[in-house]
Amino acid sequence: MVENAGEVVPREDILMRVWGYGSGIRTRTLDVHIRRLRKQLGSYSAQYIETIFGIGYRFQPFRATRRLQPGAQVSALALSA
């Protein structure tokens, strides 16, 4: 998902690329892994991983404005990420 940041990635594509599952296989494997990833991200999970119902998932890349507080110092390296 990170390689396709900002784009909707169909669940079938993820299942095929990660586990080699064809479109005929029904599994909850991806859903379990997304749930675990969201748990690890904690309160940030809603910012970064979006479920597109009936299609797949989208990873929203980091945006510097999300974490900036008024008057905070930011390096040029952080802004170029």
N, C-alpha and C. Protein backbone atom coordinates (compact mmCIF):
# COMPACT_ATOMS: atom_id res chain seq x y z
N MET A 1 0.82 -1.19 0.00
CA MET A 1 0.00 0.00 0.00
C MET A 1 0.87 1.25 0.00
N VAL A 2 2.01 1.20 0.65
CA VAL A 2 2.88 2.37 0.72
C VAL A 2 3.41 2.71 -0.68
N GLU A 3 3.71 1.70 -1.48
CA GLU A 3 4.18 1.96 -2.84
C GLU A 3 3.13 2.68 -3.68
N ASN A 4 1.87 2.50 -3.34
CA ASN A 4 0.77 3.14 -4.06
C ASN A 4 0.07 4.17 -3.18
N ALA A 5 0.84 4.88 -2.39
CA ALA A 5 0.28 5.85 -1.44
C ALA A 5 -0.67 6.82 -2.13
N GLY A 6 -1.82 7.01 -1.51
CA GLY A 6 -2.83 7.93 -2.03
C GLY A 6 -3.78 7.28 -3.03
N GLU A 7 -3.47 6.07 -3.47
CA GLU A 7 -4.32 5.37 -4.44
C GLU A 7 -5.06 4.23 -3.75
N VAL A 8 -6.25 3.93 -4.23
CA VAL A 8 -7.00 2.79 -3.71
C VAL A 8 -6.38 1.53 -4.30
N VAL A 9 -6.04 0.59 -3.41
CA VAL A 9 -5.48 -0.69 -3.84
C VAL A 9 -6.55 -1.75 -3.60
N PRO A 10 -7.03 -2.39 -4.67
CA PRO A 10 -8.05 -3.42 -4.49
C PRO A 10 -7.54 -4.57 -3.63
N ARG A 11 -8.41 -5.11 -2.81
CA ARG A 11 -8.01 -6.19 -1.90
C ARG A 11 -7.48 -7.38 -2.67
N GLU A 12 -8.03 -7.66 -3.87
CA GLU A 12 -7.55 -8.79 -4.68
C GLU A 12 -6.09 -8.60 -5.06
N ASP A 13 -5.70 -7.36 -5.37
CA ASP A 13 -4.30 -7.08 -5.71
C ASP A 13 -3.37 -7.32 -4.52
N ILE A 14 -3.80 -6.88 -3.35
CA ILE A 14 -2.98 -7.09 -2.15
C ILE A 14 -2.85 -8.58 -1.85
N LEU A 15 -3.97 -9.30 -1.90
CA LEU A 15 -3.94 -10.73 -1.63
C LEU A 15 -3.02 -11.47 -2.61
N MET A 16 -3.04 -11.08 -3.86
CA MET A 16 -2.20 -11.73 -4.86
C MET A 16 -0.73 -11.40 -4.66
N ARG A 17 -0.41 -10.13 -4.43
CA ARG A 17 0.98 -9.70 -4.31
C ARG A 17 1.63 -10.18 -3.02
N VAL A 18 0.88 -10.22 -1.94
CA VAL A 18 1.47 -10.59 -0.65
C VAL A 18 1.42 -12.09 -0.41
N TRP A 19 0.27 -12.72 -0.66
CA TRP A 19 0.12 -14.14 -0.33
C TRP A 19 -0.02 -15.04 -1.55
N GLY A 20 -0.14 -14.47 -2.74
CA GLY A 20 -0.28 -15.28 -3.94
C GLY A 20 -1.65 -15.91 -4.10
N TYR A 21 -2.66 -15.33 -3.43
CA TYR A 21 -4.02 -15.85 -3.52
C TYR A 21 -4.70 -15.32 -4.78
N GLY A 22 -5.33 -16.20 -5.54
CA GLY A 22 -6.09 -15.78 -6.71
C GLY A 22 -7.43 -15.20 -6.32
N SER A 23 -8.14 -14.68 -7.30
CA SER A 23 -9.42 -14.01 -7.04
C SER A 23 -10.50 -14.98 -6.58
N GLY A 24 -10.33 -16.28 -6.82
CA GLY A 24 -11.34 -17.26 -6.43
C GLY A 24 -11.28 -17.65 -4.96
N ILE A 25 -10.24 -17.24 -4.26
CA ILE A 25 -10.08 -17.63 -2.86
C ILE A 25 -10.71 -16.57 -1.96
N ARG A 26 -11.55 -17.00 -1.07
CA ARG A 26 -12.17 -16.10 -0.08
C ARG A 26 -11.42 -16.28 1.23
N THR A 27 -10.93 -15.17 1.77
CA THR A 27 -10.17 -15.23 3.01
C THR A 27 -10.31 -13.93 3.78
N ARG A 28 -10.14 -14.01 5.07
CA ARG A 28 -10.16 -12.83 5.94
C ARG A 28 -8.74 -12.46 6.36
N THR A 29 -7.74 -13.10 5.76
CA THR A 29 -6.34 -12.87 6.11
C THR A 29 -5.98 -11.40 6.04
N LEU A 30 -6.32 -10.75 4.95
CA LEU A 30 -5.98 -9.34 4.79
C LEU A 30 -6.65 -8.48 5.86
N ASP A 31 -7.90 -8.76 6.14
CA ASP A 31 -8.64 -7.99 7.15
C ASP A 31 -7.99 -8.12 8.52
N VAL A 32 -7.53 -9.31 8.85
CA VAL A 32 -6.87 -9.54 10.14
C VAL A 32 -5.56 -8.75 10.20
N HIS A 33 -4.80 -8.76 9.12
CA HIS A 33 -3.53 -8.02 9.11
C HIS A 33 -3.75 -6.51 9.16
N ILE A 34 -4.76 -6.02 8.47
CA ILE A 34 -5.08 -4.59 8.53
C ILE A 34 -5.49 -4.21 9.96
N ARG A 35 -6.30 -5.07 10.60
CA ARG A 35 -6.71 -4.80 11.98
C ARG A 35 -5.51 -4.74 12.91
N ARG A 36 -4.57 -5.65 12.75
CA ARG A 36 -3.36 -5.66 13.58
C ARG A 36 -2.49 -4.43 13.33
N LEU A 37 -2.39 -4.04 12.06
CA LEU A 37 -1.63 -2.84 11.72
C LEU A 37 -2.26 -1.60 12.34
N ARG A 38 -3.58 -1.51 12.26
CA ARG A 38 -4.28 -0.38 12.88
C ARG A 38 -4.07 -0.36 14.39
N LYS A 39 -4.05 -1.51 15.01
CA LYS A 39 -3.83 -1.57 16.45
C LYS A 39 -2.43 -1.05 16.79
N GLN A 40 -1.44 -1.39 15.98
CA GLN A 40 -0.09 -0.91 16.21
C GLN A 40 0.02 0.60 16.01
N LEU A 41 -0.73 1.14 15.05
CA LEU A 41 -0.69 2.57 14.79
C LEU A 41 -1.47 3.37 15.84
N GLY A 42 -2.33 2.69 16.56
CA GLY A 42 -3.10 3.34 17.63
C GLY A 42 -3.99 4.45 17.10
N SER A 43 -3.92 5.60 17.72
CA SER A 43 -4.81 6.71 17.35
C SER A 43 -4.50 7.28 15.96
N TYR A 44 -3.36 6.94 15.39
CA TYR A 44 -3.00 7.42 14.06
C TYR A 44 -3.57 6.57 12.94
N SER A 45 -4.14 5.42 13.27
CA SER A 45 -4.58 4.48 12.24
C SER A 45 -5.61 5.08 11.28
N ALA A 46 -6.53 5.87 11.79
CA ALA A 46 -7.56 6.45 10.92
C ALA A 46 -6.97 7.47 9.94
N GLN A 47 -5.85 8.09 10.31
CA GLN A 47 -5.20 9.06 9.43
C GLN A 47 -4.50 8.39 8.26
N TYR A 48 -3.98 7.20 8.49
CA TYR A 48 -3.11 6.58 7.50
C TYR A 48 -3.74 5.46 6.68
N ILE A 49 -4.65 4.71 7.24
CA ILE A 49 -5.25 3.58 6.52
C ILE A 49 -6.74 3.80 6.39
N GLU A 50 -7.18 3.86 5.15
CA GLU A 50 -8.59 4.08 4.87
C GLU A 50 -9.17 2.85 4.18
N THR A 51 -10.31 2.38 4.66
CA THR A 51 -11.01 1.28 4.03
C THR A 51 -11.97 1.84 2.99
N ILE A 52 -11.86 1.35 1.78
CA ILE A 52 -12.79 1.73 0.71
C ILE A 52 -13.74 0.54 0.57
N PHE A 53 -14.92 0.67 1.15
CA PHE A 53 -15.86 -0.43 1.26
C PHE A 53 -16.13 -1.11 -0.09
N GLY A 54 -15.99 -2.42 -0.09
CA GLY A 54 -16.27 -3.21 -1.28
C GLY A 54 -15.17 -3.18 -2.33
N ILE A 55 -14.09 -2.42 -2.09
CA ILE A 55 -13.03 -2.30 -3.09
C ILE A 55 -11.67 -2.71 -2.51
N GLY A 56 -11.21 -1.98 -1.49
CA GLY A 56 -9.89 -2.27 -0.95
C GLY A 56 -9.49 -1.27 0.11
N TYR A 57 -8.22 -0.88 0.06
CA TYR A 57 -7.67 0.01 1.08
C TYR A 57 -6.83 1.10 0.42
N ARG A 58 -6.67 2.21 1.16
CA ARG A 58 -5.82 3.29 0.68
C ARG A 58 -4.93 3.73 1.84
N PHE A 59 -3.63 3.86 1.55
CA PHE A 59 -2.69 4.40 2.52
C PHE A 59 -2.54 5.88 2.22
N GLN A 60 -2.80 6.71 3.22
CA GLN A 60 -2.65 8.16 3.06
C GLN A 60 -1.28 8.54 3.59
N PRO A 61 -0.42 9.07 2.73
CA PRO A 61 0.94 9.40 3.15
C PRO A 61 0.98 10.52 4.18
N PHE A 62 2.08 10.58 4.87
CA PHE A 62 2.33 11.61 5.87
C PHE A 62 2.27 12.99 5.23
N ARG A 63 1.60 13.87 5.89
CA ARG A 63 1.60 15.28 5.48
C ARG A 63 2.11 16.09 6.66
N ALA A 64 3.08 16.94 6.42
CA ALA A 64 3.72 17.71 7.49
C ALA A 64 2.70 18.50 8.30
N THR A 65 1.62 18.96 7.68
CA THR A 65 0.66 19.79 8.39
C THR A 65 -0.12 19.01 9.43
N ARG A 66 -0.13 17.70 9.35
CA ARG A 66 -0.87 16.91 10.33
C ARG A 66 -0.28 17.03 11.72
N ARG A 67 1.03 17.11 11.80
CA ARG A 67 1.68 17.09 13.11
C ARG A 67 2.20 18.44 13.55
N LEU A 68 2.15 19.40 12.71
CA LEU A 68 2.71 20.70 13.06
C LEU A 68 1.79 21.43 14.04
N GLN A 69 2.41 22.02 15.00
CA GLN A 69 1.70 22.84 15.95
C GLN A 69 2.12 24.28 15.69
N PRO A 70 1.28 25.23 15.95
CA PRO A 70 1.65 26.63 15.73
C PRO A 70 2.94 26.97 16.46
N GLY A 71 3.88 27.57 15.73
CA GLY A 71 5.15 27.98 16.32
C GLY A 71 6.18 26.86 16.40
N ALA A 72 5.89 25.66 15.91
CA ALA A 72 6.83 24.54 16.00
C ALA A 72 7.92 24.70 14.94
N GLN A 73 9.14 24.29 15.27
CA GLN A 73 10.26 24.31 14.35
C GLN A 73 10.26 23.02 13.54
N VAL A 74 10.48 23.13 12.23
CA VAL A 74 10.50 21.97 11.36
C VAL A 74 11.74 22.04 10.47
N SER A 75 12.44 20.91 10.37
CA SER A 75 13.63 20.88 9.53
C SER A 75 13.21 20.73 8.06
N ALA A 76 14.09 21.13 7.16
CA ALA A 76 13.82 20.98 5.72
C ALA A 76 13.67 19.51 5.35
N LEU A 77 14.40 18.63 6.02
CA LEU A 77 14.31 17.20 5.75
C LEU A 77 12.91 16.68 6.06
N ALA A 78 12.32 17.11 7.14
CA ALA A 78 10.98 16.66 7.50
C ALA A 78 9.94 17.13 6.49
N LEU A 79 10.11 18.30 5.96
CA LEU A 79 9.15 18.82 4.98
C LEU A 79 9.27 18.14 3.63
N SER A 80 10.44 17.62 3.31
CA SER A 80 10.62 16.99 2.00
C SER A 80 10.18 15.54 1.98
N ALA A 81 9.82 14.98 3.11
CA ALA A 81 9.44 13.56 3.20
C ALA A 81 8.13 13.29 2.51
